C-alpha atoms as a PDB file:
ATOM      1  CA  UNK A   1     -31.519 -93.128  30.138  1.00  0.00           C
ATOM      2  CA  UNK A   2     -34.569 -93.161  31.423  1.00  0.00           C
ATOM      3  CA  UNK A   3     -35.651 -92.885  35.788  1.00  0.00           C
ATOM      4  CA  UNK A   4     -37.975 -93.592  37.804  1.00  0.00           C
ATOM      5  CA  UNK A   5     -39.203 -92.955  40.999  1.00  0.00           C
ATOM      6  CA  UNK A   6     -40.522 -96.054  42.836  1.00  0.00           C
ATOM      7  CA  UNK A   7     -44.610 -95.185  42.748  1.00  0.00           C
ATOM      8  CA  UNK A   8     -43.724 -95.369  38.308  1.00  0.00           C
ATOM      9  CA  UNK A   9     -42.113 -98.521  38.682  1.00  0.00           C
ATOM     10  CA  UNK A  10     -44.502 -99.964  40.742  1.00  0.00           C
ATOM     11  CA  UNK A  11     -46.871 -99.010  38.204  1.00  0.00           C
ATOM     12  CA  UNK A  12     -44.720-100.732  35.426  1.00  0.00           C
ATOM     13  CA  UNK A  13     -45.077-104.061  36.909  1.00  0.00           C
ATOM     14  CA  UNK A  14     -48.328-103.849  37.905  1.00  0.00           C
ATOM     15  CA  UNK A  15     -48.069-104.583  41.910  1.00  0.00           C
ATOM     16  CA  UNK A  16     -49.012-102.620  45.426  1.00  0.00           C
ATOM     17  CA  UNK A  17     -46.451 -99.267  46.806  1.00  0.00           C
ATOM     18  CA  UNK A  18     -47.517-102.095  49.447  1.00  0.00           C
ATOM     19  CA  UNK A  19     -45.870-104.996  48.221  1.00  0.00           C
ATOM     20  CA  UNK A  20     -43.543-103.779  47.057  1.00  0.00           C
ATOM     21  CA  UNK A  21     -41.877-101.699  50.294  1.00  0.00           C
ATOM     22  CA  UNK A  22     -42.964-104.848  51.624  1.00  0.00           C
ATOM     23  CA  UNK A  23     -40.047-106.807  49.304  1.00  0.00           C
ATOM     24  CA  UNK A  24     -38.298-104.073  49.836  1.00  0.00           C
ATOM     25  CA  UNK A  25     -37.879-104.625  53.250  1.00  0.00           C
ATOM     26  CA  UNK A  26     -37.152-108.312  53.214  1.00  0.00           C
ATOM     27  CA  UNK A  27     -34.305-107.972  50.972  1.00  0.00           C
ATOM     28  CA  UNK A  28     -36.378-109.649  48.402  1.00  0.00           C
ATOM     29  CA  UNK A  29     -35.859-106.732  45.603  1.00  0.00           C
ATOM     30  CA  UNK A  30     -32.087-105.580  44.644  1.00  0.00           C
ATOM     31  CA  UNK A  31     -32.129-102.627  45.241  1.00  0.00           C
ATOM     32  CA  UNK A  32     -31.192 -99.022  42.601  1.00  0.00           C
ATOM     33  CA  UNK A  33     -28.281 -96.675  44.141  1.00  0.00           C
ATOM     34  CA  UNK A  34     -28.867 -93.462  46.338  1.00  0.00           C
ATOM     35  CA  UNK A  35     -28.830 -90.737  43.978  1.00  0.00           C
ATOM     36  CA  UNK A  36     -28.163 -86.927  44.276  1.00  0.00           C
ATOM     37  CA  UNK A  37     -30.566 -84.900  41.293  1.00  0.00           C
ATOM     38  CA  UNK A  38     -31.010 -81.024  42.767  1.00  0.00           C
ATOM     39  CA  UNK A  39     -29.907 -82.114  46.236  1.00  0.00           C
ATOM     40  CA  UNK A  40     -32.656 -84.453  47.006  1.00  0.00           C
ATOM     41  CA  UNK A  41     -31.041 -87.812  48.074  1.00  0.00           C
ATOM     42  CA  UNK A  42     -33.712 -90.503  46.483  1.00  0.00           C
ATOM     43  CA  UNK A  43     -33.543 -94.280  44.683  1.00  0.00           C
ATOM     44  CA  UNK A  44     -34.777 -93.745  40.657  1.00  0.00           C
ATOM     45  CA  UNK A  45     -35.134 -96.468  38.771  1.00  0.00           C
ATOM     46  CA  UNK A  46     -33.511 -97.717  35.204  1.00  0.00           C
ATOM     47  CA  UNK A  47     -34.778 -99.883  32.838  1.00  0.00           C
ATOM     48  CA  UNK A  48     -32.154-102.540  33.253  1.00  0.00           C
ATOM     49  CA  UNK A  49     -33.718-101.947  37.490  1.00  0.00           C
ATOM     50  CA  UNK A  50     -37.214-102.386  36.723  1.00  0.00           C
ATOM     51  CA  UNK A  51     -36.838-105.834  34.636  1.00  0.00           C
ATOM     52  CA  UNK A  52     -34.385-107.242  36.956  1.00  0.00           C
ATOM     53  CA  UNK A  53     -37.563-106.794  39.450  1.00  0.00           C
ATOM     54  CA  UNK A  54     -39.968-108.117  36.858  1.00  0.00           C
ATOM     55  CA  UNK A  55     -37.628-111.841  36.431  1.00  0.00           C
ATOM     56  CA  UNK A  56     -38.178-111.983  40.266  1.00  0.00           C
ATOM     57  CA  UNK A  57     -41.084-111.182  40.928  1.00  0.00           C
ATOM     58  CA  UNK A  58     -42.770-114.126  39.916  1.00  0.00           C
ATOM     59  CA  UNK A  59     -40.465-116.908  42.483  1.00  0.00           C
ATOM     60  CA  UNK A  60     -41.403-114.792  44.973  1.00  0.00           C
ATOM     61  CA  UNK A  61     -43.807-116.561  47.071  1.00  0.00           C
ATOM     62  CA  UNK A  62     -45.877-114.663  49.488  1.00  0.00           C
ATOM     63  CA  UNK A  63     -48.996-114.577  50.035  1.00  0.00           C
ATOM     64  CA  UNK A  64     -51.797-115.861  51.839  1.00  0.00           C
ATOM     65  CA  UNK A  65     -52.753-119.193  49.387  1.00  0.00           C
ATOM     66  CA  UNK A  66     -48.933-120.417  49.726  1.00  0.00           C
ATOM     67  CA  UNK A  67     -48.912-119.264  53.562  1.00  0.00           C
ATOM     68  CA  UNK A  68     -51.797-121.632  53.876  1.00  0.00           C
ATOM     69  CA  UNK A  69     -51.126-124.219  51.161  1.00  0.00           C
ATOM     70  CA  UNK A  70     -48.099-125.466  53.523  1.00  0.00           C
ATOM     71  CA  UNK A  71     -49.986-124.783  55.970  1.00  0.00           C
ATOM     72  CA  UNK A  72     -53.009-127.875  54.426  1.00  0.00           C
ATOM     73  CA  UNK A  73     -49.890-130.224  53.154  1.00  0.00           C
ATOM     74  CA  UNK A  74     -48.294-130.094  56.402  1.00  0.00           C
ATOM     75  CA  UNK A  75     -51.714-130.321  58.504  1.00  0.00           C
ATOM     76  CA  UNK A  76     -51.922-133.692  55.832  1.00  0.00           C
ATOM     77  CA  UNK A  77     -48.433-135.336  56.344  1.00  0.00           C
ATOM     78  CA  UNK A  78     -49.416-135.639  60.046  1.00  0.00           C
ATOM     79  CA  UNK A  79     -52.779-136.616  59.838  1.00  0.00           C
ATOM     80  CA  UNK A  80     -53.336-140.636  61.178  1.00  0.00           C
ATOM     81  CA  UNK A  81     -56.024-142.753  61.115  1.00  0.00           C
ATOM     82  CA  UNK A  82     -58.780-141.647  63.753  1.00  0.00           C
ATOM     83  CA  UNK A  83     -58.206-144.530  66.826  1.00  0.00           C
ATOM     84  CA  UNK A  84     -61.630-145.704  67.167  1.00  0.00           C
ATOM     85  CA  UNK A  85     -63.043-145.232  71.481  1.00  0.00           C
ATOM     86  CA  UNK A  86     -64.151-147.727  73.708  1.00  0.00           C
ATOM     87  CA  UNK A  87     -68.268-146.812  74.693  1.00  0.00           C
ATOM     88  CA  UNK A  88     -69.084-145.936  77.945  1.00  0.00           C
ATOM     89  CA  UNK A  89     -71.837-147.983  80.093  1.00  0.00           C
END
């Protein structure tokens, strides 16, 4: 069974290491268990772990585009027709 480092897993997934770390911190992506190899504790990704993340990635709402789409929809819902103002003499 082949195991990959996080950097290698990121390359296979086609995302940046920064994005992966953000998803991990936000607990949007499940982490593989810590394994010990040559007295080093590391998280090694298997093909199954990478495939799980590949399935989850399209479901993650992230980034500026999603955030601003929600904001625009909220603003549209709150907008009302303008009230005509009285002219000052």
